[in-house]
Amino acid sequence: MAQAVINLGEYEDRILTIIKGKFGFKNKSDAINFVIDKFDEEFIEPELKPEFVENLKKIKKEKGIRFKSIEELRKRVENA
């Protein structure tokens, strides 16, 4: 686990205190980790995540289904 000393402004410290209280975290470190996780989910593109790349590799290995026409595909989708 990495440790870091960070300097927060008064406003940022208040925000962390609010997050800590709202979500019931034991300390501000947990609040910071929560904020980082939320940032990761919303702002980092999925194609950059290793899990996404692994998922694509699995999908690429799967055997596809061939359709002779759009109508055949449409029937399969509508009956699913």
Protein backbone atom coordinates (compact mmCIF):
# COMPACT_ATOMS: atom_id res chain seq x y z
CA MET A 1 0.00 0.00 0.00
CA ALA A 2 1.36 3.38 -0.98
CA GLN A 3 1.35 6.24 1.47
CA ALA A 4 1.31 9.92 0.57
CA VAL A 5 1.40 13.19 2.42
CA ILE A 6 -1.01 15.62 0.78
CA ASN A 7 -1.77 19.26 1.36
CA LEU A 8 -5.45 20.14 1.25
CA GLY A 9 -7.04 23.51 1.25
CA GLU A 10 -9.74 24.30 3.80
CA TYR A 11 -12.50 23.74 1.24
CA GLU A 12 -11.12 20.38 0.09
CA ASP A 13 -10.76 19.26 3.70
CA ARG A 14 -14.39 20.15 4.36
CA ILE A 15 -15.49 18.19 1.30
CA LEU A 16 -13.57 15.11 2.50
CA THR A 17 -15.11 15.49 5.96
CA ILE A 18 -18.59 15.61 4.41
CA ILE A 19 -17.91 12.53 2.27
CA LYS A 20 -16.47 10.73 5.30
CA GLY A 21 -19.61 11.44 7.32
CA LYS A 22 -22.13 10.86 4.55
CA PHE A 23 -20.79 7.43 3.64
CA GLY A 24 -19.72 6.40 7.15
CA PHE A 25 -16.01 6.05 6.49
CA LYS A 26 -13.66 5.60 9.44
CA ASN A 27 -11.11 8.11 8.22
CA LYS A 28 -10.32 10.57 5.45
CA SER A 29 -8.09 8.04 3.75
CA ASP A 30 -11.17 5.90 3.08
CA ALA A 31 -12.96 9.01 1.76
CA ILE A 32 -10.08 9.78 -0.60
CA ASN A 33 -10.08 6.18 -1.88
CA PHE A 34 -13.83 6.46 -2.47
CA VAL A 35 -13.40 9.68 -4.48
CA ILE A 36 -10.63 8.09 -6.54
CA ASP A 37 -12.82 5.04 -7.27
CA LYS A 38 -15.67 7.32 -8.39
CA PHE A 39 -13.28 9.29 -10.59
CA ASP A 40 -12.03 6.05 -12.11
CA GLU A 41 -15.56 4.85 -12.90
CA GLU A 42 -16.67 8.11 -14.51
CA PHE A 43 -13.62 9.57 -16.20
CA ILE A 44 -11.16 6.88 -17.19
CA GLU A 45 -12.16 5.38 -20.50
CA PRO A 46 -13.16 1.71 -20.32
CA GLU A 47 -10.88 0.74 -23.18
CA LEU A 48 -7.90 1.70 -21.03
CA LYS A 49 -8.87 -0.62 -18.19
CA PRO A 50 -7.13 -4.01 -18.18
CA GLU A 51 -10.42 -5.80 -17.41
CA PHE A 52 -11.95 -4.33 -20.55
CA VAL A 53 -9.02 -5.48 -22.71
CA GLU A 54 -9.24 -9.01 -21.26
CA ASN A 55 -12.98 -9.07 -21.93
CA LEU A 56 -12.37 -8.06 -25.55
CA LYS A 57 -9.81 -10.83 -25.96
CA LYS A 58 -12.34 -13.39 -24.70
CA ILE A 59 -15.01 -12.09 -27.05
CA LYS A 60 -12.60 -12.20 -29.98
CA LYS A 61 -11.94 -15.91 -29.34
CA GLU A 62 -15.66 -16.77 -29.37
CA LYS A 63 -17.17 -18.32 -32.47
CA GLY A 64 -19.55 -15.97 -34.24
CA ILE A 65 -22.96 -16.69 -35.69
CA ARG A 66 -23.37 -16.21 -39.44
CA PHE A 67 -26.62 -14.96 -40.93
CA LYS A 68 -27.65 -15.20 -44.55
CA SER A 69 -29.78 -12.07 -44.37
CA ILE A 70 -30.91 -9.24 -42.17
CA GLU A 71 -34.30 -10.90 -41.89
CA GLU A 72 -32.70 -14.01 -40.40
CA LEU A 73 -30.88 -11.87 -37.85
CA ARG A 74 -34.03 -9.91 -37.08
CA LYS A 75 -35.99 -13.15 -36.43
CA ARG A 76 -33.31 -14.39 -34.04
CA VAL A 77 -33.17 -11.08 -32.14
CA GLU A 78 -36.96 -10.72 -31.89
CA ASN A 79 -37.39 -14.30 -30.64
CA ALA A 80 -34.71 -13.94 -27.96
